[in-house]
Amino acid sequence: MHIKIGFDIKLAITSPMALVYLLRVHPSRRADLVAPESITVEPELLVDEYDDAFGNQCGRVNAFAGVNQVRLYSESVIRDSGLPDEVNWSAWQHDPTDLPPETLQFLLPSRYCEVDSALLQFAWNQFGNAPMGWGRVQAICDYVHRHIRFDYSQARATRTALEGHREGVGVCRDYTHLAVTLCRCMNIPARYCTGYLGDIGIAPVPYPMDFSAWFEVFLGGRWYTFDARHNTPRIGRVVMARGRDAGDVPITMAFGQNTLQRFRVTTYEVDAWGNPSTV
């Protein structure tokens, strides 16, 4: 399967500033790109490329005096297996003493995931009798999927997992933050993911295309994908960045006053020549 991916983002700015973006396909999927990924910046500005502490590829745009808007644009085609997210009910849960050291940071509280809150006791009361391993993570996804009502109009960039639980409404990042937090409360390493997820293999949804958030948990010696918002294996997921929560993987972060003028995301199946698939 081939998937066309891309974005067109424009920000109006009022003063010289730096703009950081995490918009490239994650290095783990780079070999699947049909051609090297290219990001166009308008106007032509200096861009510093670097890898962050989580292995994500980032860019910093330095907008000088006189620049009043910045546009980021990209179109690529990526190969995909066409298979849904893997399901493995035999994946076991590690004891914290047995976890690889690099996974331990994904048990700790983070900006949007308050493990050290009322959610800790709630999680043990709610999921303490669920089967350990895959079954426990699935029980968490089932709960979050039922508990939060999806509503774009209720999106709020500052909402934490605890607030999302109390309010019972949000968007994909809110489902993900709550599920990640509940997993960590149960001593299951969980990390936040952002990337592309189009309407492949499902009926089209009545929302504008956007980047998506989901999470990964460490079970049975490896990381597995879970998605509390959709709560079903999906096709065509393309990861861009991973971190502790959304604060680690902003699509863009401008260090100065700015206004979003355009935000368009592309992700749909195409044939080997890049034409929209008719299948």
Protein backbone atom coordinates (compact mmCIF):
# COMPACT_ATOMS: atom_id res chain seq x y z
CA MET A 1 0.00 0.00 0.00
CA HIS A 2 1.08 3.58 -0.71
CA ILE A 3 -0.16 6.57 1.30
CA LYS A 4 0.14 10.22 0.37
CA ILE A 5 0.97 12.35 3.39
CA GLY A 6 1.57 16.05 3.83
CA PHE A 7 0.61 19.34 5.39
CA ASP A 8 0.24 23.04 4.68
CA ILE A 9 0.62 25.26 7.74
CA LYS A 10 0.82 29.05 7.79
CA LEU A 11 1.47 31.24 10.81
CA ALA A 12 1.30 35.02 10.98
CA ILE A 13 3.98 36.51 13.25
CA THR A 14 4.56 40.00 14.60
CA SER A 15 8.25 39.99 15.54
CA PRO A 16 11.50 38.07 14.90
CA MET A 17 11.34 34.64 16.52
CA ALA A 18 12.31 30.99 16.40
CA LEU A 19 9.75 28.41 15.32
CA VAL A 20 10.30 24.73 16.20
CA TYR A 21 8.45 21.98 14.33
CA LEU A 22 8.16 18.18 14.60
CA LEU A 23 6.66 17.46 11.20
CA ARG A 24 8.94 14.87 9.64
CA VAL A 25 8.12 11.17 9.52
CA HIS A 26 9.76 9.43 12.47
CA PRO A 27 13.22 7.99 11.68
CA SER A 28 11.80 4.48 12.25
CA ARG A 29 9.60 4.97 9.15
CA ARG A 30 12.08 6.94 7.02
CA ALA A 31 13.07 3.87 4.96
CA ASP A 32 9.41 3.49 3.90
CA LEU A 33 9.35 6.86 2.13
CA VAL A 34 9.18 6.49 -1.67
CA ALA A 35 11.46 9.55 -1.96
CA PRO A 36 13.30 11.61 0.67
CA GLU A 37 10.93 13.85 2.62
CA SER A 38 11.28 17.57 1.88
CA ILE A 39 9.78 20.44 3.87
CA THR A 40 9.40 23.76 2.08
CA VAL A 41 9.64 26.89 4.21
CA GLU A 42 8.31 30.19 2.85
CA PRO A 43 9.91 32.66 2.80
CA GLU A 44 13.27 30.93 2.43
CA LEU A 45 14.67 30.99 5.96
CA LEU A 46 17.49 29.34 7.84
CA VAL A 47 16.41 25.96 9.26
CA ASP A 48 18.43 24.04 11.84
CA GLU A 49 17.67 20.30 11.80
CA TYR A 50 18.30 18.31 14.97
CA ASP A 51 17.21 15.20 16.90
CA ASP A 52 15.59 15.66 20.30
CA ALA A 53 16.08 13.54 23.42
CA PHE A 54 13.43 11.05 22.26
CA GLY A 55 14.95 10.46 18.81
CA ASN A 56 12.46 12.63 16.92
CA GLN A 57 13.68 14.73 14.01
CA CYS A 58 12.99 18.43 14.59
CA GLY A 59 13.54 21.70 12.81
CA ARG A 60 14.06 25.25 14.01
CA VAL A 61 13.11 28.10 11.69
CA ASN A 62 14.69 31.46 12.48
CA ALA A 63 12.38 34.24 11.28
CA PHE A 64 14.26 37.55 11.03
CA ALA A 65 12.96 41.12 11.24
CA GLY A 66 10.53 41.98 8.46
CA VAL A 67 9.06 38.47 8.13
CA ASN A 68 5.34 38.60 8.91
CA GLN A 69 4.34 35.03 8.12
CA VAL A 70 5.88 31.57 7.88
CA ARG A 71 4.51 28.74 5.75
CA LEU A 72 5.53 25.09 6.18
CA TYR A 73 4.56 22.76 3.35
CA SER A 74 5.28 19.15 2.43
CA GLU A 75 3.94 16.31 0.28
CA SER A 76 5.34 12.77 0.33
CA VAL A 77 4.35 9.20 -0.44
CA ILE A 78 5.12 6.41 2.02
CA ARG A 79 4.88 2.64 1.70
CA ASP A 80 2.80 0.82 4.30
CA SER A 81 2.04 -2.85 4.97
CA GLY A 82 -1.69 -2.21 4.73
CA LEU A 83 -2.14 -4.32 7.85
CA PRO A 84 -4.11 -3.15 10.90
CA ASP A 85 -2.42 -2.46 14.23
CA GLU A 86 -1.03 -5.64 15.75
CA VAL A 87 -3.03 -7.39 18.49
CA ASN A 88 -1.25 -9.78 20.88
CA TRP A 89 -3.31 -10.95 23.84
CA SER A 90 -0.36 -13.04 25.08
CA ALA A 91 1.91 -9.99 25.57
CA TRP A 92 2.79 -10.01 29.25
CA GLN A 93 3.23 -7.19 31.72
CA HIS A 94 6.72 -6.66 33.12
CA ASP A 95 7.39 -6.16 36.78
CA PRO A 96 9.04 -2.71 37.22
CA THR A 97 12.20 -4.48 38.45
CA ASP A 98 12.42 -6.26 35.09
CA LEU A 99 11.86 -3.29 32.79
CA PRO A 100 14.68 -2.01 30.56
CA PRO A 101 16.02 1.21 32.13
CA GLU A 102 15.14 3.28 29.06
CA THR A 103 11.43 2.53 29.57
CA LEU A 104 11.28 3.78 33.16
CA GLN A 105 10.81 7.44 32.17
CA PHE A 106 7.47 6.39 30.67
CA LEU A 107 6.19 5.38 34.13
CA LEU A 108 6.74 8.84 35.63
CA PRO A 109 4.39 11.82 35.85
CA SER A 110 4.75 14.37 33.05
CA ARG A 111 3.25 17.72 32.18
CA TYR A 112 -0.15 16.42 30.98
CA CYS A 113 -0.10 12.99 32.66
CA GLU A 114 -0.46 13.33 36.43
CA VAL A 115 0.34 9.85 37.64
CA ASP A 116 0.79 11.23 41.16
CA SER A 117 -2.84 12.39 41.48
CA ALA A 118 -6.30 11.08 42.28
CA LEU A 119 -6.01 8.98 39.14
CA LEU A 120 -3.51 6.65 40.85
CA GLN A 121 -5.98 5.23 43.38
CA PHE A 122 -8.78 5.35 40.82
CA ALA A 123 -6.73 3.23 38.40
CA TRP A 124 -6.01 0.53 40.96
CA ASN A 125 -9.65 0.45 42.06
CA GLN A 126 -10.90 0.29 38.47
CA PHE A 127 -8.32 -1.98 36.81
CA GLY A 128 -6.59 -3.81 39.64
CA ASN A 129 -8.57 -7.00 38.95
CA ALA A 130 -8.20 -6.83 35.14
CA PRO A 131 -5.90 -9.46 33.59
CA MET A 132 -2.33 -8.23 33.61
CA GLY A 133 -0.67 -7.40 30.31
CA TRP A 134 -2.63 -6.87 27.13
CA GLY A 135 -5.98 -7.40 28.81
CA ARG A 136 -5.32 -4.64 31.35
CA VAL A 137 -4.31 -2.12 28.68
CA GLN A 138 -7.38 -3.03 26.64
CA ALA A 139 -9.58 -2.55 29.72
CA ILE A 140 -8.09 0.93 30.10
CA CYS A 141 -8.76 1.73 26.44
CA ASP A 142 -12.34 0.50 26.74
CA TYR A 143 -12.92 2.72 29.77
CA VAL A 144 -11.36 5.85 28.22
CA HIS A 145 -13.21 5.27 24.94
CA ARG A 146 -16.54 5.20 26.79
CA HIS A 147 -15.74 7.93 29.30
CA ILE A 148 -14.61 10.75 26.98
CA ARG A 149 -16.94 12.25 24.39
CA PHE A 150 -15.17 13.41 21.24
CA ASP A 151 -15.86 17.05 20.41
CA TYR A 152 -13.58 19.27 18.31
CA SER A 153 -15.29 22.38 19.65
CA GLN A 154 -14.17 21.39 23.17
CA ALA A 155 -10.46 21.11 22.33
CA ARG A 156 -8.18 22.85 24.84
CA ALA A 157 -4.40 22.82 24.57
CA THR A 158 -3.87 23.00 28.35
CA ARG A 159 -6.21 20.15 29.38
CA THR A 160 -4.45 17.48 31.45
CA ALA A 161 -5.37 13.84 31.92
CA LEU A 162 -7.00 14.53 35.28
CA GLU A 163 -9.00 17.43 33.84
CA GLY A 164 -10.03 15.30 30.86
CA HIS A 165 -11.25 12.61 33.23
CA ARG A 166 -13.27 15.10 35.24
CA GLU A 167 -14.71 16.89 32.20
CA GLY A 168 -15.40 13.76 30.13
CA VAL A 169 -14.88 15.52 26.79
CA GLY A 170 -12.01 16.23 24.43
CA VAL A 171 -10.12 15.27 21.29
CA CYS A 172 -7.62 12.53 20.45
CA ARG A 173 -4.85 14.00 22.62
CA ASP A 174 -7.20 13.93 25.64
CA TYR A 175 -8.07 10.26 25.11
CA THR A 176 -4.36 9.55 24.79
CA HIS A 177 -3.25 11.51 27.84
CA LEU A 178 -5.82 9.79 30.04
CA ALA A 179 -5.01 6.30 28.75
CA VAL A 180 -1.25 6.92 29.09
CA THR A 181 -1.71 8.13 32.66
CA LEU A 182 -3.87 5.17 33.69
CA CYS A 183 -1.34 2.74 32.19
CA ARG A 184 1.50 4.39 34.08
CA CYS A 185 -0.58 4.24 37.26
CA MET A 186 -0.71 0.47 36.73
CA ASN A 187 3.11 0.27 36.26
CA ILE A 188 2.87 -0.16 32.48
CA PRO A 189 5.28 2.08 30.51
CA ALA A 190 3.28 4.21 28.07
CA ARG A 191 4.44 6.87 25.60
CA TYR A 192 2.53 9.46 23.58
CA CYS A 193 2.63 9.34 19.76
CA THR A 194 1.59 11.79 17.08
CA GLY A 195 1.34 11.26 13.34
CA TYR A 196 -0.89 10.61 10.36
CA LEU A 197 -4.01 8.43 10.50
CA GLY A 198 -6.34 8.70 7.52
CA ASP A 199 -9.75 7.19 6.84
CA ILE A 200 -8.28 4.04 5.30
CA GLY A 201 -10.40 0.92 5.69
CA ILE A 202 -13.25 2.79 7.38
CA ALA A 203 -16.15 4.98 6.30
CA PRO A 204 -15.12 8.65 5.90
CA VAL A 205 -15.64 10.71 9.04
CA PRO A 206 -17.32 14.16 9.04
CA TYR A 207 -14.28 16.00 10.41
CA PRO A 208 -11.48 17.92 8.68
CA MET A 209 -8.30 15.85 8.32
CA ASP A 210 -5.87 16.44 11.18
CA PHE A 211 -2.83 14.88 12.74
CA SER A 212 -3.75 12.16 15.22
CA ALA A 213 -2.59 11.09 18.68
CA TRP A 214 -2.31 7.55 20.02
CA PHE A 215 0.02 5.74 22.41
CA GLU A 216 2.38 2.80 22.74
CA VAL A 217 2.89 0.52 25.73
CA PHE A 218 5.81 -1.73 26.60
CA LEU A 219 4.60 -5.32 26.98
CA GLY A 220 6.34 -8.63 26.38
CA GLY A 221 9.68 -7.03 25.61
CA ARG A 222 8.54 -4.54 22.94
CA TRP A 223 6.31 -1.55 22.21
CA TYR A 224 2.74 -2.03 20.95
CA THR A 225 0.28 0.51 19.52
CA PHE A 226 -3.03 1.33 21.24
CA ASP A 227 -5.62 3.96 20.38
CA ALA A 228 -8.20 4.83 23.05
CA ARG A 229 -10.13 7.22 20.84
CA HIS A 230 -10.89 4.77 18.03
CA ASN A 231 -10.41 1.64 20.18
CA THR A 232 -10.04 -0.66 17.19
CA PRO A 233 -7.03 -1.69 15.06
CA ARG A 234 -6.54 0.80 12.22
CA ILE A 235 -4.72 0.77 8.87
CA GLY A 236 -2.25 3.37 7.63
CA ARG A 237 -0.85 4.77 10.86
CA VAL A 238 2.35 6.78 10.24
CA VAL A 239 4.20 7.94 13.35
CA MET A 240 5.97 11.31 13.33
CA ALA A 241 7.10 11.74 16.94
CA ARG A 242 7.06 10.04 20.35
CA GLY A 243 7.42 11.48 23.84
CA ARG A 244 6.07 11.51 27.38
CA ASP A 245 3.02 13.56 26.37
CA ALA A 246 1.92 16.25 23.91
CA GLY A 247 4.28 18.77 25.51
CA ASP A 248 7.25 16.81 24.14
CA VAL A 249 5.96 16.56 20.57
CA PRO A 250 4.33 19.85 19.48
CA ILE A 251 3.51 20.03 15.78
CA THR A 252 4.82 23.61 15.90
CA MET A 253 5.98 25.81 18.74
CA ALA A 254 6.57 29.50 18.07
CA PHE A 255 8.64 31.44 20.59
CA GLY A 256 6.64 34.64 20.16
CA GLN A 257 3.18 35.94 19.37
CA ASN A 258 1.60 34.21 16.36
CA THR A 259 -1.73 33.47 14.71
CA LEU A 260 -2.57 30.26 12.85
CA GLN A 261 -3.82 31.21 9.37
CA ARG A 262 -3.85 27.83 7.61
CA PHE A 263 -3.78 24.22 8.79
CA ARG A 264 -4.30 21.44 6.29
CA VAL A 265 -3.30 17.80 6.65
CA THR A 266 -3.23 15.21 3.85
CA THR A 267 -3.27 11.45 4.31
CA TYR A 268 -5.00 9.03 1.92
CA GLU A 269 -4.25 5.89 -0.05
CA VAL A 270 -2.74 6.25 -3.52
CA ASP A 271 -1.51 3.83 -6.16
CA ALA A 272 2.16 3.26 -6.95
CA TRP A 273 2.17 6.34 -9.21
CA GLY A 274 0.72 8.66 -6.55
CA ASN A 275 -2.84 8.77 -7.89
CA PRO A 276 -5.76 8.45 -5.43
CA SER A 277 -6.69 4.80 -5.00
CA THR A 278 -10.07 3.69 -6.31
CA VAL A 279 -10.13 0.54 -4.19
